[in-house]
Protein backbone atom coordinates (compact mmCIF):
# COMPACT_ATOMS: atom_id res chain seq x y z
CA UNK A 1 13.16 -4.16 -30.95
CA UNK A 2 15.73 -2.25 -30.76
CA UNK A 3 19.11 -3.86 -30.62
CA UNK A 4 20.17 -6.00 -27.81
CA UNK A 5 23.33 -5.30 -25.70
CA UNK A 6 25.19 -8.17 -24.12
CA UNK A 7 24.21 -7.33 -20.38
CA UNK A 8 20.70 -7.23 -21.60
CA UNK A 9 19.13 -10.03 -19.34
CA UNK A 10 16.07 -12.08 -21.77
CA UNK A 11 13.58 -13.69 -19.42
CA UNK A 12 12.26 -16.05 -21.17
CA UNK A 13 9.79 -19.02 -21.54
CA UNK A 14 7.20 -17.90 -18.91
CA UNK A 15 3.85 -17.30 -19.04
CA UNK A 16 3.04 -13.37 -18.26
CA UNK A 17 0.22 -12.13 -16.68
CA UNK A 18 1.30 -8.71 -17.67
CA UNK A 19 -1.64 -6.99 -15.64
CA UNK A 20 -1.82 -4.53 -19.17
CA UNK A 21 -5.18 -3.43 -19.27
CA UNK A 22 -5.22 -2.83 -23.12
CA UNK A 23 -4.09 -6.61 -23.65
CA UNK A 24 -7.44 -8.36 -24.43
CA UNK A 25 -6.96 -11.73 -21.95
CA UNK A 26 -8.15 -11.85 -18.14
CA UNK A 27 -4.73 -10.50 -16.16
CA UNK A 28 -3.25 -9.93 -19.13
CA UNK A 29 -1.99 -13.14 -19.99
CA UNK A 30 0.15 -14.29 -23.06
CA UNK A 31 1.91 -17.67 -23.66
CA UNK A 32 5.24 -18.25 -24.48
CA UNK A 33 6.84 -15.33 -24.36
CA UNK A 34 9.95 -13.12 -22.63
CA UNK A 35 10.74 -10.37 -20.86
CA UNK A 36 13.83 -8.31 -22.03
CA UNK A 37 15.40 -6.97 -19.41
CA UNK A 38 18.61 -3.62 -19.00
CA UNK A 39 19.28 -1.27 -16.45
CA UNK A 40 16.57 -2.05 -13.86
CA UNK A 41 14.16 -1.61 -16.94
CA UNK A 42 11.46 -3.75 -19.15
CA UNK A 43 13.00 -3.33 -22.46
CA UNK A 44 10.10 -5.47 -24.51
CA UNK A 45 7.86 -8.22 -24.05
CA UNK A 46 8.51 -10.70 -26.84
CA UNK A 47 6.90 -13.60 -28.22
CA UNK A 48 9.54 -16.95 -27.79
CA UNK A 49 9.96 -16.91 -30.85
CA UNK A 50 11.52 -13.65 -31.33
CA UNK A 51 14.50 -14.40 -28.89
CA UNK A 52 17.42 -13.37 -30.75
CA UNK A 53 19.77 -16.25 -31.41
CA UNK A 54 22.94 -16.80 -29.68
CA UNK A 55 21.94 -14.44 -27.34
CA UNK A 56 23.99 -15.33 -23.96
CA UNK A 57 22.27 -13.92 -21.14
CA UNK A 58 19.43 -15.79 -21.10
CA UNK A 59 17.35 -17.31 -18.28
CA UNK A 60 15.12 -20.13 -18.70
CA UNK A 61 11.91 -20.03 -16.28
CA UNK A 62 10.46 -23.26 -18.35
CA UNK A 63 7.14 -22.46 -18.41
CA UNK A 64 6.20 -20.94 -15.00
CA UNK A 65 3.79 -17.71 -14.19
CA UNK A 66 5.26 -14.33 -14.04
CA UNK A 67 3.50 -11.39 -12.09
CA UNK A 68 3.86 -7.91 -11.41
CA UNK A 69 5.89 -7.78 -8.45
CA UNK A 70 3.00 -7.16 -5.95
CA UNK A 71 2.71 -3.62 -4.39
CA UNK A 72 0.75 -2.84 -0.36
CA UNK A 73 -0.03 0.61 -1.00
CA UNK A 74 -1.33 1.15 3.12
CA UNK A 75 0.44 -0.52 5.77
CA UNK A 76 1.37 1.44 9.11
CA UNK A 77 4.94 -1.11 9.77
CA UNK A 78 6.88 0.84 11.66
CA UNK A 79 5.39 0.73 15.31
CA UNK A 80 6.91 -0.35 18.83
CA UNK A 81 5.25 -3.06 20.64
CA UNK A 82 1.56 -4.96 20.45
CA UNK A 83 -2.18 -4.47 21.22
CA UNK A 84 -2.57 -8.45 21.50
CA UNK A 85 -3.83 -8.01 25.32
CA UNK A 86 -5.68 -5.11 23.79
CA UNK A 87 -7.85 -7.33 21.63
CA UNK A 88 -8.06 -10.34 24.20
CA UNK A 89 -9.97 -7.79 26.76
CA UNK A 90 -12.27 -6.61 23.90
CA UNK A 91 -13.02 -10.25 23.07
CA UNK A 92 -13.71 -10.34 26.58
CA UNK A 93 -16.49 -7.62 26.69
CA UNK A 94 -13.98 -5.07 28.16
CA UNK A 95 -15.21 -2.00 25.89
CA UNK A 96 -12.86 0.35 23.86
CA UNK A 97 -13.35 3.32 25.83
CA UNK A 98 -12.79 1.99 28.83
CA UNK A 99 -9.22 0.31 27.38
CA UNK A 100 -8.58 4.02 26.27
CA UNK A 101 -9.27 5.19 29.58
CA UNK A 102 -6.35 2.63 31.18
CA UNK A 103 -3.93 4.71 28.48
CA UNK A 104 -4.94 1.74 25.67
CA UNK A 105 -5.97 2.02 22.46
CA UNK A 106 -3.38 4.22 19.20
CA UNK A 107 -2.42 5.82 22.41
CA UNK A 108 -0.03 2.94 23.96
CA UNK A 109 0.94 2.07 20.72
CA UNK A 110 2.01 5.75 20.47
CA UNK A 111 3.85 5.33 23.89
CA UNK A 112 5.80 2.48 22.89
CA UNK A 113 6.70 3.78 19.30
CA UNK A 114 7.98 6.93 21.62
CA UNK A 115 9.87 5.02 23.60
CA UNK A 116 11.58 2.77 21.20
CA UNK A 117 14.84 3.16 19.81
CA UNK A 118 15.72 3.69 16.20
CA UNK A 119 17.41 0.21 15.84
CA UNK A 120 14.12 -1.56 17.97
CA UNK A 121 11.94 -0.02 15.86
CA UNK A 122 13.92 -1.41 13.16
CA UNK A 123 13.99 -5.00 14.13
CA UNK A 124 10.59 -5.40 14.19
CA UNK A 125 9.49 -3.96 11.08
CA UNK A 126 12.70 -5.81 9.38
CA UNK A 127 10.97 -8.65 10.62
CA UNK A 128 7.24 -7.17 9.09
CA UNK A 129 8.79 -6.13 6.22
CA UNK A 130 10.25 -9.92 5.37
CA UNK A 131 6.83 -11.47 5.86
CA UNK A 132 5.87 -9.78 2.97
CA UNK A 133 8.42 -9.75 0.97
CA UNK A 134 8.14 -13.61 0.45
CA UNK A 135 4.86 -13.55 -0.50
CA UNK A 136 6.40 -11.26 -3.58
CA UNK A 137 6.24 -7.73 -2.53
CA UNK A 138 8.46 -5.60 -4.14
CA UNK A 139 6.79 -1.68 -3.00
CA UNK A 140 5.06 -0.46 -0.25
CA UNK A 141 3.86 2.06 1.44
CA UNK A 142 4.71 2.78 4.88
CA UNK A 143 3.33 5.75 6.80
CA UNK A 144 4.19 7.42 10.21
CA UNK A 145 1.67 8.44 13.54
CA UNK A 146 2.46 6.59 15.77
CA UNK A 147 5.19 9.28 16.89
CA UNK A 148 2.65 12.26 17.05
CA UNK A 149 6.28 14.51 18.05
CA UNK A 150 8.30 16.07 15.92
CA UNK A 151 10.73 13.65 16.67
CA UNK A 152 8.93 10.68 16.89
CA UNK A 153 7.72 11.26 13.25
CA UNK A 154 11.19 11.99 12.15
CA UNK A 155 12.45 8.12 13.91
CA UNK A 156 9.65 6.53 12.19
CA UNK A 157 10.00 7.91 8.78
CA UNK A 158 14.07 7.76 8.99
CA UNK A 159 13.29 3.94 10.25
CA UNK A 160 11.33 2.83 7.13
CA UNK A 161 13.86 5.13 4.91
CA UNK A 162 16.69 2.19 6.29
CA UNK A 163 14.53 -0.17 5.34
CA UNK A 164 14.17 0.95 1.69
CA UNK A 165 18.34 0.66 1.62
CA UNK A 166 18.86 -2.25 3.17
CA UNK A 167 16.80 -4.83 2.04
CA UNK A 168 15.62 -5.23 -2.06
CA UNK A 169 12.48 -2.98 -1.54
CA UNK A 170 10.73 0.38 -3.02
CA UNK A 171 9.55 1.91 -0.14
CA UNK A 172 7.24 4.71 -0.60
CA UNK A 173 6.93 7.00 3.28
CA UNK A 174 3.68 8.72 3.83
CA UNK A 175 3.67 11.57 7.37
CA UNK A 176 0.26 10.78 9.17
CA UNK A 177 0.89 12.84 12.21
CA UNK A 178 -2.46 13.44 11.57
CA UNK A 179 -3.46 9.77 12.04
CA UNK A 180 -4.47 10.71 16.18
CA UNK A 181 -4.68 13.90 19.06
CA UNK A 182 -1.76 13.40 21.54
CA UNK A 183 -2.16 13.22 25.17
CA UNK A 184 -0.77 16.21 25.75
CA UNK A 185 -3.25 17.94 23.29
CA UNK A 186 -5.75 16.34 24.04
CA UNK A 187 -8.22 19.94 25.17
CA UNK A 188 -6.70 21.29 22.05
CA UNK A 189 -6.18 19.26 18.67
CA UNK A 190 -6.30 22.70 16.68
CA UNK A 191 -3.03 23.84 18.61
CA UNK A 192 -1.66 20.51 17.41
CA UNK A 193 -2.94 20.99 14.07
CA UNK A 194 -1.08 23.93 13.68
CA UNK A 195 2.13 22.06 14.84
CA UNK A 196 1.51 19.65 12.38
CA UNK A 197 0.97 22.30 9.39
CA UNK A 198 3.63 24.98 10.80
CA UNK A 199 6.53 22.41 12.10
CA UNK A 200 6.54 19.06 11.78
CA UNK A 201 5.56 18.68 7.97
CA UNK A 202 7.47 21.35 6.47
CA UNK A 203 10.87 20.63 8.56
CA UNK A 204 10.44 16.72 8.01
CA UNK A 205 9.80 17.38 3.42
CA UNK A 206 12.87 19.19 4.01
CA UNK A 207 15.01 16.19 4.92
CA UNK A 208 13.12 14.76 2.18
CA UNK A 209 11.20 12.03 4.41
CA UNK A 210 8.13 11.42 2.96
CA UNK A 211 6.22 11.94 -0.20
CA UNK A 212 2.81 11.99 0.31
CA UNK A 213 0.67 13.75 3.65
CA UNK A 214 -2.75 11.27 4.55
CA UNK A 215 -4.93 12.32 7.91
CA UNK A 216 -7.31 10.12 9.52
CA UNK A 217 -10.00 12.39 9.23
CA UNK A 218 -13.04 10.21 10.78
CA UNK A 219 -15.34 11.31 14.14
CA UNK A 220 -12.57 9.60 16.70
CA UNK A 221 -9.98 11.73 14.09
CA UNK A 222 -10.26 14.74 12.74
CA UNK A 223 -13.03 16.67 11.57
CA UNK A 224 -13.64 17.62 7.48
CA UNK A 225 -12.43 21.36 8.34
CA UNK A 226 -9.21 19.95 10.01
CA UNK A 227 -8.09 18.08 7.34
CA UNK A 228 -8.46 20.99 4.78
CA UNK A 229 -6.44 22.97 7.01
CA UNK A 230 -4.04 20.12 6.81
CA UNK A 231 -4.55 19.74 2.50
CA UNK A 232 -4.05 22.78 2.60
CA UNK A 233 -0.62 23.30 4.08
CA UNK A 234 0.66 20.48 1.96
CA UNK A 235 -0.93 22.13 -1.04
CA UNK A 236 1.57 25.26 -0.23
CA UNK A 237 4.65 22.93 -0.25
CA UNK A 238 3.50 21.02 -3.95
CA UNK A 239 2.67 17.67 -0.93
CA UNK A 240 0.97 15.36 -3.03
CA UNK A 241 -2.07 14.38 -0.08
CA UNK A 242 -4.24 11.05 1.05
CA UNK A 243 -7.12 10.21 2.81
CA UNK A 244 -8.49 7.85 5.69
CA UNK A 245 -12.26 8.34 5.04
CA UNK A 246 -15.82 7.33 5.79
CA UNK A 247 -14.36 4.02 7.63
CA UNK A 248 -16.45 4.58 10.38
CA UNK A 249 -19.13 6.97 9.42
CA UNK A 250 -19.68 9.76 6.26
CA UNK A 251 -18.08 13.05 6.44
CA UNK A 252 -17.54 13.29 2.90
CA UNK A 253 -13.80 12.98 3.61
CA UNK A 254 -13.35 11.03 -0.06
CA UNK A 255 -15.61 14.17 -1.76
CA UNK A 256 -12.56 16.31 -0.08
CA UNK A 257 -9.58 14.39 -1.02
CA UNK A 258 -10.73 14.74 -4.77
CA UNK A 259 -11.00 18.18 -3.94
CA UNK A 260 -6.76 18.07 -3.54
CA UNK A 261 -6.19 15.68 -6.58
CA UNK A 262 -5.56 13.46 -3.47
CA UNK A 263 -3.43 10.27 -4.91
CA UNK A 264 -6.34 7.78 -2.99
CA UNK A 265 -9.43 7.83 -0.62
CA UNK A 266 -8.80 4.17 1.84
CA UNK A 267 -11.40 2.42 3.85
CA UNK A 268 -14.32 4.53 2.38
CA UNK A 269 -16.97 1.61 3.75
CA UNK A 270 -19.26 4.27 4.67
CA UNK A 271 -18.11 6.20 0.58
CA UNK A 272 -21.88 7.51 -1.01
CA UNK A 273 -22.57 8.08 -4.57
CA UNK A 274 -21.27 12.10 -4.23
CA UNK A 275 -18.69 10.22 -3.07
CA UNK A 276 -17.88 7.97 -5.34
CA UNK A 277 -18.48 10.47 -8.47
CA UNK A 278 -15.65 12.75 -7.26
CA UNK A 279 -13.24 10.45 -7.00
CA UNK A 280 -13.96 9.09 -10.34
CA UNK A 281 -13.75 13.08 -11.64
CA UNK A 282 -10.44 13.32 -9.74
CA UNK A 283 -8.61 10.09 -11.05
CA UNK A 284 -8.48 9.39 -7.07
CA UNK A 285 -7.67 5.57 -5.93
CA UNK A 286 -9.78 3.42 -3.97
CA UNK A 287 -7.87 1.73 -1.65
CA UNK A 288 -9.59 -1.14 0.53
CA UNK A 289 -8.74 -2.46 3.56
CA UNK A 290 -10.49 -6.29 3.99
CA UNK A 291 -7.98 -7.12 7.19
CA UNK A 292 -9.59 -4.15 9.28
CA UNK A 293 -13.16 -5.09 8.20
CA UNK A 294 -12.50 -8.33 9.15
CA UNK A 295 -10.86 -7.00 12.61
CA UNK A 296 -13.47 -4.84 13.47
CA UNK A 297 -16.48 -7.30 12.52
CA UNK A 298 -17.66 -4.28 10.57
CA UNK A 299 -20.79 -4.48 8.43
CA UNK A 300 -20.84 -1.73 6.01
CA UNK A 301 -18.87 -2.99 2.87
CA UNK A 302 -17.53 -0.73 0.81
CA UNK A 303 -19.94 0.30 -2.38
CA UNK A 304 -17.69 -1.82 -4.73
CA UNK A 305 -20.34 -2.18 -7.56
CA UNK A 306 -20.76 1.45 -7.43
CA UNK A 307 -17.00 1.83 -7.27
CA UNK A 308 -16.96 -0.50 -10.40
CA UNK A 309 -20.28 1.46 -12.34
CA UNK A 310 -18.13 5.06 -11.70
CA UNK A 311 -14.81 3.37 -13.38
CA UNK A 312 -12.18 4.20 -10.55
CA UNK A 313 -9.59 2.16 -10.11
CA UNK A 314 -9.99 0.16 -6.83
CA UNK A 315 -6.65 -0.82 -4.65
CA UNK A 316 -6.81 -3.87 -2.04
CA UNK A 317 -4.31 -3.54 1.02
CA UNK A 318 -3.18 -5.47 4.27
CA UNK A 319 -3.84 -1.89 6.46
CA UNK A 320 -0.82 -3.89 8.72
CA UNK A 321 -1.05 -1.98 11.85
CA UNK A 322 -1.50 -3.60 15.92
CA UNK A 323 -4.59 -2.07 16.80
CA UNK A 324 -6.91 -3.17 13.90
CA UNK A 325 -5.22 -5.55 10.92
CA UNK A 326 -2.27 -7.00 12.17
CA UNK A 327 -1.95 -9.37 9.21
CA UNK A 328 1.12 -8.83 7.13
CA UNK A 329 0.21 -10.44 3.74
CA UNK A 330 -1.29 -9.27 0.90
CA UNK A 331 -2.29 -12.26 -0.24
CA UNK A 332 -4.64 -12.87 2.55
CA UNK A 333 -6.43 -9.67 1.68
CA UNK A 334 -6.45 -10.22 -2.04
CA UNK A 335 -8.79 -13.40 -0.55
CA UNK A 336 -10.74 -11.22 1.83
CA UNK A 337 -11.17 -8.47 -0.69
CA UNK A 338 -12.88 -11.06 -2.67
CA UNK A 339 -14.95 -12.85 -0.09
CA UNK A 340 -16.00 -9.90 2.05
CA UNK A 341 -16.16 -7.36 -0.28
CA UNK A 342 -17.20 -8.85 -3.79
CA UNK A 343 -13.76 -8.08 -6.01
CA UNK A 344 -13.57 -10.75 -8.89
CA UNK A 345 -9.76 -12.16 -8.17
CA UNK A 346 -8.65 -10.18 -11.47
CA UNK A 347 -10.18 -7.51 -9.63
CA UNK A 348 -7.82 -7.81 -6.22
CA UNK A 349 -4.55 -8.93 -9.10
CA UNK A 350 -5.33 -5.51 -10.65
CA UNK A 351 -6.13 -3.97 -6.66
CA UNK A 352 -2.20 -5.49 -5.58
CA UNK A 353 -0.61 -4.07 -9.15
CA UNK A 354 -1.57 -0.96 -11.73
CA UNK A 355 -3.83 0.20 -9.27
CA UNK A 356 -1.90 -0.24 -6.07
CA UNK A 357 1.03 1.51 -8.26
CA UNK A 358 -1.37 4.53 -9.19
CA UNK A 359 -2.12 4.96 -5.48
CA UNK A 360 1.20 5.55 -4.69
CA UNK A 361 1.40 8.11 -7.71
CA UNK A 362 3.98 5.36 -9.85
CA UNK A 363 1.42 4.24 -12.42
CA UNK A 364 3.34 4.75 -15.16
CA UNK A 365 6.64 3.44 -14.03
CA UNK A 366 5.51 -0.09 -11.81
CA UNK A 367 2.28 -2.61 -11.93
CA UNK A 368 2.25 -4.15 -14.76
CA UNK A 369 4.86 -6.43 -17.31
CA UNK A 370 5.30 -3.62 -20.14
CA UNK A 371 8.19 -2.26 -21.87
CA UNK A 372 9.22 1.37 -19.97
CA UNK A 373 8.27 -0.11 -16.37
CA UNK A 374 10.34 -1.21 -13.17
CA UNK A 375 11.87 -4.93 -13.81
CA UNK A 376 9.85 -6.29 -10.49
CA UNK A 377 8.21 -9.17 -11.21
CA UNK A 378 7.82 -12.62 -9.76
CA UNK A 379 8.06 -15.66 -11.14
CA UNK A 380 5.61 -18.25 -9.49
CA UNK A 381 5.43 -22.12 -9.07
CA UNK A 382 1.65 -21.52 -10.60
CA UNK A 383 -0.06 -21.44 -13.34
CA UNK A 384 -2.69 -19.31 -13.01
CA UNK A 385 -3.28 -16.23 -10.75
CA UNK A 386 -6.25 -17.36 -9.25
CA UNK A 387 -4.14 -19.84 -7.28
CA UNK A 388 -2.52 -16.60 -5.05
CA UNK A 389 -6.11 -15.45 -4.28
CA UNK A 390 -7.70 -18.62 -3.80
CA UNK A 391 -5.42 -20.11 -1.08
CA UNK A 392 -3.61 -18.03 0.87
CA UNK A 393 -1.98 -20.41 3.12
CA UNK A 394 -0.02 -21.53 0.02
CA UNK A 395 2.86 -19.73 -1.19
CA UNK A 396 4.18 -20.99 -4.31
CA UNK A 397 6.63 -18.32 -5.27
CA UNK A 398 10.01 -19.22 -6.43
CA UNK A 399 11.57 -15.95 -7.20
CA UNK A 400 11.60 -12.86 -6.09
CA UNK A 401 13.25 -10.10 -9.07
CA UNK A 402 13.46 -6.32 -8.02
CA UNK A 403 14.73 -4.64 -10.53
CA UNK A 404 15.83 -7.18 -12.68
CA UNK A 405 18.05 -8.52 -9.67
CA UNK A 406 17.16 -12.04 -8.78
CA UNK A 407 16.96 -11.39 -4.94
């Protein structure tokens, strides 16, 4: 290890779950270790016995468990209103079609979001964000998609940016203007996509308000041909893509995302073998969203075993949104991924650390306790990582470290 500076901080006497795939032990567990942090970055991971004598700037973690900061790689955190009344209607037997005809469904959230001030959206989003941060989240994606016009999409992304400026958390913003067809374009969805591709996307990209482009490719969203049109526009601007695909049917959306070297294919309950192979070839991450699966009482599970066999990285996320996954708990999503989808606890942990980092284009810098990675990590009053998966209602978080600072 290189010579230490006086300002380097040593977080010592820890049990590290590094999540380093090159480590032989499950979870990359190492005993009696220390993290050396310099300038918001992990400089080294060293055995306790190799800590230089006399270094004043050290913190004794008393043998506690340390993991990378959690990463929630799929959320819709910024929106107005809620859909609790609709949920109650559905449970009382009212059809989704009837609710939509009354102005409900996604368009109800669009209306509420359009009518909300930026400050109102920010206040609501801050409360949701705090719940995720309290569980150890240090990085998360936030999608637009409840504005569906230039002004409201920009408003949502500006709120997402403000959240990152105001809180010790890293935000990865995604443009999801192709989330649904707004009511004013219900008879001409292609005209709406022209607006997205020729005006909304380039204008907001020029303002630096998002990192990637997402599309809801589904029989209640956009066709593969329409999705590809958005991807082509993104490609022309050099913007990475991802997709909500194969959630309710198999339209070949995951293969389409993979053809464009997409960061991730999300939901994928109806993914087939051809889609799995396409993702394996392109390196596209499979993002599993068990909260929506549970809330919608779905029965078709993602092909986890096929994804394993083909070596496709599997991330796990909350999909926090008002209509299908109102759960601001990544611990709960991890538990659901194990119980409902058959992931092992170690796979669930990889899904909210190194694989989630890959899904956000941060695989070389986030999601592991390793030299040259960002110093985002969590100190837990726990012995083993399985504890946070086994009992999601109990939160043993002791300290949340963001960029090397306890927050």
